[in-house]
Amino acid sequence: MSKKVYRRFRETTLERMAKVAVWGRARDLFRSIVNEPSIGGWLLDITGRHEGMFPESYDIEANLSTIKRVRHTIAHSLSEDLSTTDIARAEILVRIIALAVLLETAGIDEEKGREILGDEYSGVDRIIELS
């Protein structure tokens, strides 16, 4: 569907929709379908551009899967059980991605960046279940 046709569909649907509590959420979902890449797309793009910064032990594909699963479960209030360990692990994994971008932006070479990120990533294994 072309962007113009989709925009018309979205506007017509929203105009006819009752103004209920979820209306704003529906509007945002319609906007994101066409205009916004998914969180997975963003993370894949970022990690791909900064891949040389990640230590070998940082399994990009598996870690992105963890981040997306935790985010999806929380964002959509799904009944899947998330432990404090799952949430803490996802937070550290996202922080490592952000740190990779910052290190490269600051001009840190890949070898030193891998060392720094390796130290951060080693913290993932030290997470304990708090419940």
N, C-alpha and C. Protein backbone atom coordinates (compact mmCIF):
# COMPACT_ATOMS: atom_id res chain seq x y z
N MET A 1 0.86 -1.16 0.00
CA MET A 1 0.00 0.00 0.00
C MET A 1 0.91 1.23 0.00
N SER A 2 0.59 2.18 -0.82
CA SER A 2 1.42 3.39 -0.88
C SER A 2 1.26 4.19 0.41
N LYS A 3 2.21 5.06 0.66
CA LYS A 3 2.19 5.87 1.87
C LYS A 3 0.95 6.77 1.89
N LYS A 4 0.59 7.31 0.73
CA LYS A 4 -0.57 8.20 0.64
C LYS A 4 -1.86 7.45 0.94
N VAL A 5 -2.01 6.26 0.37
CA VAL A 5 -3.21 5.45 0.60
C VAL A 5 -3.27 5.03 2.06
N TYR A 6 -2.14 4.62 2.63
CA TYR A 6 -2.12 4.21 4.03
C TYR A 6 -2.48 5.39 4.93
N ARG A 7 -1.94 6.57 4.65
CA ARG A 7 -2.23 7.75 5.46
C ARG A 7 -3.74 8.04 5.46
N ARG A 8 -4.36 7.93 4.27
CA ARG A 8 -5.80 8.16 4.17
C ARG A 8 -6.57 7.10 4.97
N PHE A 9 -6.15 5.85 4.85
CA PHE A 9 -6.77 4.76 5.62
C PHE A 9 -6.65 5.02 7.12
N ARG A 10 -5.46 5.40 7.55
CA ARG A 10 -5.22 5.66 8.97
C ARG A 10 -6.10 6.80 9.48
N GLU A 11 -6.13 7.91 8.74
CA GLU A 11 -6.91 9.08 9.16
C GLU A 11 -8.40 8.77 9.21
N THR A 12 -8.91 8.06 8.22
CA THR A 12 -10.32 7.70 8.18
C THR A 12 -10.67 6.77 9.34
N THR A 13 -9.83 5.80 9.58
CA THR A 13 -10.06 4.86 10.68
C THR A 13 -10.09 5.59 12.01
N LEU A 14 -9.14 6.47 12.23
CA LEU A 14 -9.07 7.19 13.50
C LEU A 14 -10.23 8.17 13.67
N GLU A 15 -10.67 8.78 12.57
CA GLU A 15 -11.82 9.69 12.64
C GLU A 15 -13.08 8.96 13.06
N ARG A 16 -13.23 7.74 12.58
CA ARG A 16 -14.45 6.97 12.86
C ARG A 16 -14.38 6.22 14.19
N MET A 17 -13.22 6.12 14.74
CA MET A 17 -13.04 5.39 15.99
C MET A 17 -13.55 6.22 17.16
N ALA A 18 -14.23 5.57 18.08
CA ALA A 18 -14.69 6.27 19.28
C ALA A 18 -13.49 6.77 20.06
N LYS A 19 -13.63 7.95 20.64
CA LYS A 19 -12.54 8.53 21.42
C LYS A 19 -12.53 7.88 22.80
N VAL A 20 -11.93 6.72 22.87
CA VAL A 20 -11.84 5.99 24.13
C VAL A 20 -10.40 6.06 24.64
N ALA A 21 -10.17 5.48 25.78
CA ALA A 21 -8.85 5.56 26.42
C ALA A 21 -7.74 5.05 25.51
N VAL A 22 -8.02 4.07 24.67
CA VAL A 22 -6.96 3.48 23.84
C VAL A 22 -6.78 4.21 22.52
N TRP A 23 -7.54 5.26 22.27
CA TRP A 23 -7.45 5.96 20.99
C TRP A 23 -6.03 6.46 20.72
N GLY A 24 -5.42 7.07 21.71
CA GLY A 24 -4.05 7.59 21.54
C GLY A 24 -3.07 6.49 21.21
N ARG A 25 -3.24 5.34 21.84
CA ARG A 25 -2.36 4.20 21.56
C ARG A 25 -2.56 3.71 20.13
N ALA A 26 -3.81 3.65 19.69
CA ALA A 26 -4.10 3.22 18.32
C ALA A 26 -3.47 4.19 17.32
N ARG A 27 -3.60 5.50 17.59
CA ARG A 27 -2.99 6.51 16.72
C ARG A 27 -1.48 6.30 16.63
N ASP A 28 -0.84 6.08 17.76
CA ASP A 28 0.61 5.88 17.78
C ASP A 28 1.02 4.61 17.04
N LEU A 29 0.22 3.56 17.19
CA LEU A 29 0.52 2.32 16.47
C LEU A 29 0.41 2.52 14.96
N PHE A 30 -0.63 3.22 14.52
CA PHE A 30 -0.77 3.50 13.09
C PHE A 30 0.44 4.28 12.58
N ARG A 31 0.88 5.27 13.34
CA ARG A 31 2.05 6.06 12.91
C ARG A 31 3.29 5.19 12.80
N SER A 32 3.48 4.30 13.75
CA SER A 32 4.71 3.52 13.79
C SER A 32 4.78 2.47 12.70
N ILE A 33 3.62 2.03 12.20
CA ILE A 33 3.63 0.98 11.18
C ILE A 33 4.40 1.43 9.94
N VAL A 34 4.24 2.65 9.53
CA VAL A 34 4.88 3.12 8.31
C VAL A 34 6.14 3.94 8.59
N ASN A 35 6.09 4.77 9.60
CA ASN A 35 7.15 5.77 9.77
C ASN A 35 8.33 5.33 10.62
N GLU A 36 8.17 4.38 11.48
CA GLU A 36 9.21 4.04 12.44
C GLU A 36 9.76 2.64 12.20
N PRO A 37 11.07 2.50 12.17
CA PRO A 37 11.61 1.14 12.14
C PRO A 37 11.37 0.49 13.50
N SER A 38 11.35 -0.82 13.52
CA SER A 38 11.13 -1.52 14.79
C SER A 38 12.35 -1.38 15.68
N ILE A 39 12.18 -1.68 16.95
CA ILE A 39 13.32 -1.64 17.87
C ILE A 39 14.38 -2.62 17.40
N GLY A 40 13.95 -3.77 16.90
CA GLY A 40 14.90 -4.75 16.38
C GLY A 40 15.69 -4.20 15.20
N GLY A 41 15.00 -3.47 14.33
CA GLY A 41 15.68 -2.85 13.18
C GLY A 41 16.69 -1.82 13.61
N TRP A 42 16.31 -1.00 14.58
CA TRP A 42 17.25 0.02 15.09
C TRP A 42 18.48 -0.63 15.70
N LEU A 43 18.25 -1.62 16.57
CA LEU A 43 19.37 -2.27 17.25
C LEU A 43 20.27 -3.01 16.27
N LEU A 44 19.68 -3.65 15.29
CA LEU A 44 20.46 -4.36 14.28
C LEU A 44 21.32 -3.38 13.48
N ASP A 45 20.74 -2.25 13.13
CA ASP A 45 21.47 -1.22 12.40
C ASP A 45 22.64 -0.68 13.24
N ILE A 46 22.37 -0.38 14.48
CA ILE A 46 23.40 0.18 15.37
C ILE A 46 24.52 -0.83 15.60
N THR A 47 24.16 -2.06 15.93
CA THR A 47 25.20 -3.05 16.19
C THR A 47 25.99 -3.38 14.92
N GLY A 48 25.31 -3.34 13.79
CA GLY A 48 26.01 -3.59 12.53
C GLY A 48 27.04 -2.51 12.22
N ARG A 49 26.69 -1.26 12.50
CA ARG A 49 27.61 -0.15 12.23
C ARG A 49 28.78 -0.11 13.21
N HIS A 50 28.61 -0.70 14.38
CA HIS A 50 29.65 -0.64 15.41
C HIS A 50 30.13 -2.04 15.80
N GLU A 51 29.96 -2.99 14.90
CA GLU A 51 30.24 -4.39 15.19
C GLU A 51 31.66 -4.63 15.69
N GLY A 52 32.63 -3.89 15.16
CA GLY A 52 34.02 -4.07 15.55
C GLY A 52 34.30 -3.75 17.00
N MET A 53 33.41 -3.04 17.65
CA MET A 53 33.60 -2.66 19.06
C MET A 53 33.21 -3.77 20.03
N PHE A 54 32.38 -4.70 19.59
CA PHE A 54 31.87 -5.71 20.51
C PHE A 54 32.87 -6.85 20.70
N PRO A 55 33.04 -7.28 21.95
CA PRO A 55 33.93 -8.43 22.19
C PRO A 55 33.33 -9.68 21.56
N GLU A 56 34.19 -10.66 21.27
CA GLU A 56 33.71 -11.89 20.64
C GLU A 56 32.65 -12.59 21.48
N SER A 57 32.76 -12.44 22.79
CA SER A 57 31.81 -13.12 23.68
C SER A 57 30.41 -12.52 23.62
N TYR A 58 30.28 -11.31 23.06
CA TYR A 58 28.98 -10.65 22.95
C TYR A 58 28.27 -11.18 21.71
N ASP A 59 27.40 -12.14 21.90
CA ASP A 59 26.65 -12.75 20.80
C ASP A 59 25.54 -11.78 20.40
N ILE A 60 25.80 -10.99 19.36
CA ILE A 60 24.88 -9.92 18.97
C ILE A 60 23.48 -10.46 18.71
N GLU A 61 23.37 -11.51 17.93
CA GLU A 61 22.04 -12.03 17.57
C GLU A 61 21.27 -12.50 18.80
N ALA A 62 21.91 -13.27 19.67
CA ALA A 62 21.23 -13.78 20.87
C ALA A 62 20.87 -12.63 21.82
N ASN A 63 21.77 -11.66 21.95
CA ASN A 63 21.52 -10.55 22.86
C ASN A 63 20.41 -9.63 22.35
N LEU A 64 20.36 -9.40 21.04
CA LEU A 64 19.27 -8.60 20.48
C LEU A 64 17.94 -9.31 20.68
N SER A 65 17.95 -10.62 20.56
CA SER A 65 16.74 -11.40 20.79
C SER A 65 16.25 -11.23 22.23
N THR A 66 17.17 -11.26 23.18
CA THR A 66 16.82 -11.07 24.60
C THR A 66 16.22 -9.69 24.82
N ILE A 67 16.88 -8.66 24.28
CA ILE A 67 16.41 -7.29 24.44
C ILE A 67 15.01 -7.13 23.87
N LYS A 68 14.81 -7.63 22.65
CA LYS A 68 13.51 -7.49 21.99
C LYS A 68 12.41 -8.24 22.74
N ARG A 69 12.71 -9.42 23.25
CA ARG A 69 11.72 -10.21 23.98
C ARG A 69 11.28 -9.49 25.26
N VAL A 70 12.26 -8.98 26.01
CA VAL A 70 11.94 -8.28 27.26
C VAL A 70 11.14 -7.01 26.95
N ARG A 71 11.59 -6.24 25.98
CA ARG A 71 10.89 -5.00 25.61
C ARG A 71 9.46 -5.30 25.16
N HIS A 72 9.30 -6.31 24.32
CA HIS A 72 7.99 -6.67 23.79
C HIS A 72 7.05 -7.10 24.92
N THR A 73 7.55 -7.91 25.82
CA THR A 73 6.74 -8.40 26.93
C THR A 73 6.26 -7.25 27.81
N ILE A 74 7.16 -6.32 28.11
CA ILE A 74 6.80 -5.18 28.95
C ILE A 74 5.87 -4.23 28.20
N ALA A 75 6.23 -3.88 26.97
CA ALA A 75 5.46 -2.89 26.21
C ALA A 75 4.03 -3.33 25.95
N HIS A 76 3.81 -4.62 25.80
CA HIS A 76 2.48 -5.11 25.47
C HIS A 76 1.80 -5.79 26.66
N SER A 77 2.36 -5.62 27.84
CA SER A 77 1.78 -6.18 29.07
C SER A 77 1.39 -7.64 28.90
N LEU A 78 2.30 -8.41 28.33
CA LEU A 78 2.01 -9.82 28.11
C LEU A 78 2.14 -10.60 29.41
N SER A 79 1.50 -11.73 29.46
CA SER A 79 1.48 -12.51 30.69
C SER A 79 2.76 -13.32 30.91
N GLU A 80 3.65 -13.32 29.92
CA GLU A 80 4.90 -14.06 30.07
C GLU A 80 5.65 -13.57 31.31
N ASP A 81 6.13 -14.51 32.08
CA ASP A 81 6.86 -14.14 33.29
C ASP A 81 8.25 -13.63 32.94
N LEU A 82 8.57 -12.46 33.44
CA LEU A 82 9.92 -11.92 33.32
C LEU A 82 10.49 -11.85 34.73
N SER A 83 11.66 -12.39 34.88
CA SER A 83 12.30 -12.32 36.19
C SER A 83 13.10 -11.02 36.28
N THR A 84 13.51 -10.69 37.48
CA THR A 84 14.38 -9.52 37.63
C THR A 84 15.68 -9.74 36.88
N THR A 85 16.11 -10.99 36.77
CA THR A 85 17.32 -11.31 36.03
C THR A 85 17.15 -10.99 34.55
N ASP A 86 16.00 -11.36 33.97
CA ASP A 86 15.73 -11.06 32.55
C ASP A 86 15.81 -9.56 32.29
N ILE A 87 15.17 -8.78 33.16
CA ILE A 87 15.11 -7.33 32.97
C ILE A 87 16.49 -6.71 33.17
N ALA A 88 17.22 -7.14 34.20
CA ALA A 88 18.56 -6.60 34.45
C ALA A 88 19.50 -6.96 33.31
N ARG A 89 19.40 -8.17 32.80
CA ARG A 89 20.26 -8.61 31.68
C ARG A 89 19.99 -7.75 30.44
N ALA A 90 18.71 -7.52 30.13
CA ALA A 90 18.37 -6.71 28.96
C ALA A 90 18.89 -5.29 29.13
N GLU A 91 18.79 -4.74 30.33
CA GLU A 91 19.28 -3.38 30.58
C GLU A 91 20.78 -3.28 30.35
N ILE A 92 21.53 -4.26 30.83
CA ILE A 92 22.98 -4.25 30.63
C ILE A 92 23.31 -4.39 29.15
N LEU A 93 22.59 -5.25 28.45
CA LEU A 93 22.85 -5.46 27.02
C LEU A 93 22.60 -4.20 26.21
N VAL A 94 21.54 -3.45 26.56
CA VAL A 94 21.25 -2.19 25.87
C VAL A 94 22.34 -1.16 26.21
N ARG A 95 22.74 -1.13 27.48
CA ARG A 95 23.77 -0.17 27.91
C ARG A 95 25.09 -0.43 27.16
N ILE A 96 25.41 -1.68 26.90
CA ILE A 96 26.63 -2.01 26.18
C ILE A 96 26.55 -1.50 24.74
N ILE A 97 25.39 -1.61 24.12
CA ILE A 97 25.22 -1.09 22.75
C ILE A 97 25.43 0.43 22.74
N ALA A 98 24.80 1.11 23.70
CA ALA A 98 24.96 2.57 23.78
C ALA A 98 26.42 2.94 24.04
N LEU A 99 27.07 2.20 24.89
CA LEU A 99 28.48 2.46 25.19
C LEU A 99 29.36 2.27 23.96
N ALA A 100 29.06 1.27 23.14
CA ALA A 100 29.83 1.04 21.91
C ALA A 100 29.75 2.26 21.00
N VAL A 101 28.56 2.81 20.86
CA VAL A 101 28.37 4.00 20.02
C VAL A 101 29.15 5.18 20.61
N LEU A 102 29.04 5.39 21.91
CA LEU A 102 29.74 6.50 22.55
C LEU A 102 31.26 6.37 22.44
N LEU A 103 31.78 5.17 22.63
CA LEU A 103 33.23 4.96 22.53
C LEU A 103 33.74 5.26 21.13
N GLU A 104 33.01 4.76 20.14
CA GLU A 104 33.43 5.00 18.75
C GLU A 104 33.33 6.48 18.41
N THR A 105 32.26 7.12 18.86
CA THR A 105 32.08 8.56 18.63
C THR A 105 33.20 9.36 19.27
N ALA A 106 33.67 8.89 20.43
CA ALA A 106 34.75 9.58 21.14
C ALA A 106 36.12 9.29 20.53
N GLY A 107 36.17 8.43 19.53
CA GLY A 107 37.43 8.15 18.86
C GLY A 107 38.24 7.02 19.47
N ILE A 108 37.63 6.24 20.34
CA ILE A 108 38.32 5.10 20.95
C ILE A 108 38.48 4.02 19.88
N ASP A 109 39.70 3.47 19.76
CA ASP A 109 39.91 2.45 18.73
C ASP A 109 39.19 1.15 19.11
N GLU A 110 38.97 0.31 18.12
CA GLU A 110 38.17 -0.90 18.32
C GLU A 110 38.75 -1.84 19.36
N GLU A 111 40.07 -1.98 19.38
CA GLU A 111 40.70 -2.90 20.34
C GLU A 111 40.42 -2.46 21.78
N LYS A 112 40.63 -1.18 22.06
CA LYS A 112 40.36 -0.65 23.40
C LYS A 112 38.86 -0.71 23.70
N GLY A 113 38.03 -0.42 22.69
CA GLY A 113 36.59 -0.49 22.86
C GLY A 113 36.14 -1.90 23.22
N ARG A 114 36.70 -2.91 22.54
CA ARG A 114 36.35 -4.30 22.85
C ARG A 114 36.74 -4.65 24.29
N GLU A 115 37.87 -4.13 24.73
CA GLU A 115 38.32 -4.39 26.11
C GLU A 115 37.34 -3.78 27.12
N ILE A 116 36.97 -2.53 26.88
CA ILE A 116 36.04 -1.84 27.78
C ILE A 116 34.68 -2.54 27.79
N LEU A 117 34.17 -2.86 26.60
CA LEU A 117 32.87 -3.52 26.51
C LEU A 117 32.93 -4.94 27.08
N GLY A 118 34.07 -5.60 26.93
CA GLY A 118 34.24 -6.94 27.50
C GLY A 118 34.11 -6.91 29.01
N ASP A 119 34.69 -5.88 29.63
CA ASP A 119 34.58 -5.72 31.08
C ASP A 119 33.12 -5.50 31.48
N GLU A 120 32.42 -4.64 30.74
CA GLU A 120 31.00 -4.39 31.02
C GLU A 120 30.17 -5.65 30.84
N TYR A 121 30.44 -6.36 29.74
CA TYR A 121 29.65 -7.54 29.40
C TYR A 121 29.86 -8.66 30.41
N SER A 122 31.02 -8.72 31.01
CA SER A 122 31.27 -9.77 32.01
C SER A 122 30.31 -9.63 33.19
N GLY A 123 29.75 -8.44 33.39
CA GLY A 123 28.79 -8.22 34.46
C GLY A 123 27.48 -8.95 34.25
N VAL A 124 27.17 -9.32 33.04
CA VAL A 124 25.92 -10.02 32.76
C VAL A 124 25.90 -11.35 33.51
N ASP A 125 27.01 -12.01 33.57
CA ASP A 125 27.06 -13.31 34.24
C ASP A 125 26.99 -13.20 35.76
N ARG A 126 27.20 -12.00 36.30
CA ARG A 126 27.18 -11.81 37.75
C ARG A 126 25.80 -11.44 38.27
N ILE A 127 24.83 -11.32 37.39
CA ILE A 127 23.48 -10.96 37.81
C ILE A 127 22.88 -12.13 38.59
N ILE A 128 22.30 -11.84 39.73
CA ILE A 128 21.66 -12.89 40.51
C ILE A 128 20.16 -12.62 40.57
N GLU A 129 19.41 -13.67 40.75
CA GLU A 129 17.96 -13.55 40.85
C GLU A 129 17.62 -12.92 42.20
N LEU A 130 16.83 -11.84 42.17
CA LEU A 130 16.50 -11.13 43.39
C LEU A 130 15.18 -11.57 44.00
N SER A 131 14.43 -12.38 43.29
CA SER A 131 13.11 -12.75 43.82
C SER A 131 13.19 -13.99 44.69
